Amino acid sequence: MDEGGSGSCGVPLQHTMLQKRLQEHAQAKLLLCGAKHYRLEKIVGKGSYGIVYEAYDNFHERKVAIKHLCPDVFREPLLALRVLREISILAHFRQHPNIMGLVDVLRTPSPPPGRGPCD
């Protein structure tokens, strides 16, 4: 079937293939920064700050969410401050039963401009 056809559940095949490439790219970046115990499952959201993946933490044997931020976020001081605020809030509410806590912060190698997951 060509890239313009439909994949499972009527989702355009081109869209499915793009999601797979994004997932493979993010998995490779996780390996580069030493986070071998996370296995990406699927993309659950994409926004102006980055891509959120459902993942599995093999070390702690649990589902997690991984937010892969766009490198451009840290080039804009206001956006960088918002991300840092979100991180500190999540760290503060780590034990709250209704808020997903912050488990880890990873730094991956930055791609050249125009080559990141959000471009």
C-alpha atoms as a PDB file:
ATOM      1  CA  MET A   1       0.000   0.000   0.000  1.00  0.00           C
ATOM      2  CA  ASP A   2       1.375   3.477  -0.822  1.00  0.00           C
ATOM      3  CA  GLU A   3       2.020   6.202   1.764  1.00  0.00           C
ATOM      4  CA  GLY A   4      -1.211   7.949   0.856  1.00  0.00           C
ATOM      5  CA  GLY A   5      -3.365   4.901   1.732  1.00  0.00           C
ATOM      6  CA  SER A   6      -5.010   4.102   5.035  1.00  0.00           C
ATOM      7  CA  GLY A   7      -3.488   2.143   7.876  1.00  0.00           C
ATOM      8  CA  SER A   8      -5.312   0.475  10.743  1.00  0.00           C
ATOM      9  CA  CYS A   9      -8.523   2.135  11.993  1.00  0.00           C
ATOM     10  CA  GLY A  10      -8.669   4.408   8.949  1.00  0.00           C
ATOM     11  CA  VAL A  11      -5.681   6.503  10.096  1.00  0.00           C
ATOM     12  CA  PRO A  12      -3.778   7.778   7.048  1.00  0.00           C
ATOM     13  CA  LEU A  13      -0.693   5.620   6.531  1.00  0.00           C
ATOM     14  CA  GLN A  14       1.483   8.697   6.017  1.00  0.00           C
ATOM     15  CA  HIS A  15       0.487   9.958   9.497  1.00  0.00           C
ATOM     16  CA  THR A  16       1.209   6.553  11.059  1.00  0.00           C
ATOM     17  CA  MET A  17       4.619   6.370   9.399  1.00  0.00           C
ATOM     18  CA  LEU A  18       5.498   9.884  10.610  1.00  0.00           C
ATOM     19  CA  GLN A  19       4.551   8.941  14.178  1.00  0.00           C
ATOM     20  CA  LYS A  20       6.720   5.821  13.922  1.00  0.00           C
ATOM     21  CA  ARG A  21       9.703   7.878  12.707  1.00  0.00           C
ATOM     22  CA  LEU A  22       9.231  10.394  15.534  1.00  0.00           C
ATOM     23  CA  GLN A  23       9.066   7.554  18.053  1.00  0.00           C
ATOM     24  CA  GLU A  24      12.210   5.897  16.665  1.00  0.00           C
ATOM     25  CA  HIS A  25      14.039   9.242  16.748  1.00  0.00           C
ATOM     26  CA  ALA A  26      13.046   9.846  20.376  1.00  0.00           C
ATOM     27  CA  GLN A  27      13.978   6.283  21.400  1.00  0.00           C
ATOM     28  CA  ALA A  28      17.428   6.766  19.860  1.00  0.00           C
ATOM     29  CA  LYS A  29      17.867  10.026  21.798  1.00  0.00           C
ATOM     30  CA  LEU A  30      16.900   8.262  25.037  1.00  0.00           C
ATOM     31  CA  LEU A  31      19.613   5.690  24.398  1.00  0.00           C
ATOM     32  CA  LEU A  32      22.163   8.439  23.703  1.00  0.00           C
ATOM     33  CA  CYS A  33      21.530  10.078  27.075  1.00  0.00           C
ATOM     34  CA  GLY A  34      21.784   6.762  28.944  1.00  0.00           C
ATOM     35  CA  ALA A  35      18.068   6.168  29.590  1.00  0.00           C
ATOM     36  CA  LYS A  36      18.025   2.586  28.334  1.00  0.00           C
ATOM     37  CA  HIS A  37      15.346   1.501  30.815  1.00  0.00           C
ATOM     38  CA  TYR A  38      12.561   3.511  29.109  1.00  0.00           C
ATOM     39  CA  ARG A  39      10.698   1.967  26.176  1.00  0.00           C
ATOM     40  CA  LEU A  40       8.490   4.290  24.146  1.00  0.00           C
ATOM     41  CA  GLU A  41       5.067   2.829  23.371  1.00  0.00           C
ATOM     42  CA  LYS A  42       3.182   5.513  21.440  1.00  0.00           C
ATOM     43  CA  ILE A  43       2.697   9.231  20.934  1.00  0.00           C
ATOM     44  CA  VAL A  44      -0.132  10.556  23.099  1.00  0.00           C
ATOM     45  CA  GLY A  45       0.163  14.254  22.299  1.00  0.00           C
ATOM     46  CA  LYS A  46       2.054  16.896  20.371  1.00  0.00           C
ATOM     47  CA  GLY A  47       2.072  20.608  21.025  1.00  0.00           C
ATOM     48  CA  SER A  48       4.158  23.725  20.679  1.00  0.00           C
ATOM     49  CA  TYR A  49       6.509  22.654  23.505  1.00  0.00           C
ATOM     50  CA  GLY A  50       7.149  19.112  22.297  1.00  0.00           C
ATOM     51  CA  ILE A  51       5.833  15.567  22.052  1.00  0.00           C
ATOM     52  CA  VAL A  52       4.448  13.431  24.881  1.00  0.00           C
ATOM     53  CA  TYR A  53       4.945   9.672  24.710  1.00  0.00           C
ATOM     54  CA  GLU A  54       3.426   6.836  26.668  1.00  0.00           C
ATOM     55  CA  ALA A  55       6.381   4.743  27.769  1.00  0.00           C
ATOM     56  CA  TYR A  56       7.298   1.865  30.026  1.00  0.00           C
ATOM     57  CA  ASP A  57       9.984   2.084  32.718  1.00  0.00           C
ATOM     58  CA  ASN A  58      11.583  -1.375  32.721  1.00  0.00           C
ATOM     59  CA  PHE A  59      13.571  -0.614  35.880  1.00  0.00           C
ATOM     60  CA  HIS A  60      10.557   0.313  38.053  1.00  0.00           C
ATOM     61  CA  GLU A  61       8.097  -1.822  36.045  1.00  0.00           C
ATOM     62  CA  ARG A  62       5.506   0.896  35.472  1.00  0.00           C
ATOM     63  CA  LYS A  63       3.964   3.098  32.801  1.00  0.00           C
ATOM     64  CA  VAL A  64       5.300   6.632  32.540  1.00  0.00           C
ATOM     65  CA  ALA A  65       4.851   9.650  30.310  1.00  0.00           C
ATOM     66  CA  ILE A  66       7.881  11.179  28.632  1.00  0.00           C
ATOM     67  CA  LYS A  67       7.736  14.754  27.413  1.00  0.00           C
ATOM     68  CA  HIS A  68      10.327  15.329  24.696  1.00  0.00           C
ATOM     69  CA  LEU A  69      10.780  19.097  24.538  1.00  0.00           C
ATOM     70  CA  CYS A  70      11.577  21.038  21.391  1.00  0.00           C
ATOM     71  CA  PRO A  71      15.082  22.551  21.513  1.00  0.00           C
ATOM     72  CA  ASP A  72      13.588  25.940  20.546  1.00  0.00           C
ATOM     73  CA  VAL A  73      11.833  26.081  23.932  1.00  0.00           C
ATOM     74  CA  PHE A  74      15.191  26.762  25.598  1.00  0.00           C
ATOM     75  CA  ARG A  75      16.177  29.448  23.093  1.00  0.00           C
ATOM     76  CA  GLU A  76      13.323  31.675  24.309  1.00  0.00           C
ATOM     77  CA  PRO A  77      13.825  32.811  27.926  1.00  0.00           C
ATOM     78  CA  LEU A  78      10.089  33.086  28.698  1.00  0.00           C
ATOM     79  CA  LEU A  79       9.357  29.575  27.387  1.00  0.00           C
ATOM     80  CA  ALA A  80      12.356  28.158  29.262  1.00  0.00           C
ATOM     81  CA  LEU A  81      11.079  29.715  32.497  1.00  0.00           C
ATOM     82  CA  ARG A  82       7.640  28.151  31.939  1.00  0.00           C
ATOM     83  CA  VAL A  83       9.191  24.718  31.460  1.00  0.00           C
ATOM     84  CA  LEU A  84      11.341  25.116  34.575  1.00  0.00           C
ATOM     85  CA  ARG A  85       8.253  26.211  36.532  1.00  0.00           C
ATOM     86  CA  GLU A  86       6.371  23.114  35.351  1.00  0.00           C
ATOM     87  CA  ILE A  87       9.296  20.903  36.428  1.00  0.00           C
ATOM     88  CA  SER A  88       9.459  22.473  39.883  1.00  0.00           C
ATOM     89  CA  ILE A  89       5.681  22.167  40.362  1.00  0.00           C
ATOM     90  CA  LEU A  90       5.739  18.500  39.361  1.00  0.00           C
ATOM     91  CA  ALA A  91       8.669  17.864  41.702  1.00  0.00           C
ATOM     92  CA  HIS A  92       6.838  19.597  44.556  1.00  0.00           C
ATOM     93  CA  PHE A  93       3.684  17.487  44.113  1.00  0.00           C
ATOM     94  CA  ARG A  94       5.576  14.215  43.615  1.00  0.00           C
ATOM     95  CA  GLN A  95       3.528  12.359  46.242  1.00  0.00           C
ATOM     96  CA  HIS A  96       0.097  13.787  45.338  1.00  0.00           C
ATOM     97  CA  PRO A  97      -2.332  10.965  44.389  1.00  0.00           C
ATOM     98  CA  ASN A  98      -3.994  12.929  41.546  1.00  0.00           C
ATOM     99  CA  ILE A  99      -0.918  14.397  39.871  1.00  0.00           C
ATOM    100  CA  MET A 100       1.599  12.442  37.834  1.00  0.00           C
ATOM    101  CA  GLY A 101       4.874  13.025  39.621  1.00  0.00           C
ATOM    102  CA  LEU A 102       8.216  13.892  38.125  1.00  0.00           C
ATOM    103  CA  VAL A 103      10.446  10.827  37.955  1.00  0.00           C
ATOM    104  CA  ASP A 104      13.451  11.986  35.984  1.00  0.00           C
ATOM    105  CA  VAL A 105      14.865  14.837  33.915  1.00  0.00           C
ATOM    106  CA  LEU A 106      17.037  13.783  30.997  1.00  0.00           C
ATOM    107  CA  ARG A 107      19.188  15.888  28.719  1.00  0.00           C
ATOM    108  CA  THR A 108      19.566  14.627  25.180  1.00  0.00           C
ATOM    109  CA  PRO A 109      21.924  15.907  22.503  1.00  0.00           C
ATOM    110  CA  SER A 110      20.441  18.898  20.694  1.00  0.00           C
ATOM    111  CA  PRO A 111      19.836  18.582  16.965  1.00  0.00           C
ATOM    112  CA  PRO A 112      20.859  21.367  14.576  1.00  0.00           C
ATOM    113  CA  PRO A 113      18.152  24.032  14.049  1.00  0.00           C
ATOM    114  CA  GLY A 114      15.364  22.774  11.807  1.00  0.00           C
ATOM    115  CA  ARG A 115      16.092  19.096  12.533  1.00  0.00           C
ATOM    116  CA  GLY A 116      14.291  18.517  15.826  1.00  0.00           C
ATOM    117  CA  PRO A 117      11.116  16.510  16.572  1.00  0.00           C
ATOM    118  CA  CYS A 118       8.952  19.636  16.519  1.00  0.00           C
ATOM    119  CA  ASP A 119       9.970  20.948  13.087  1.00  0.00           C
END
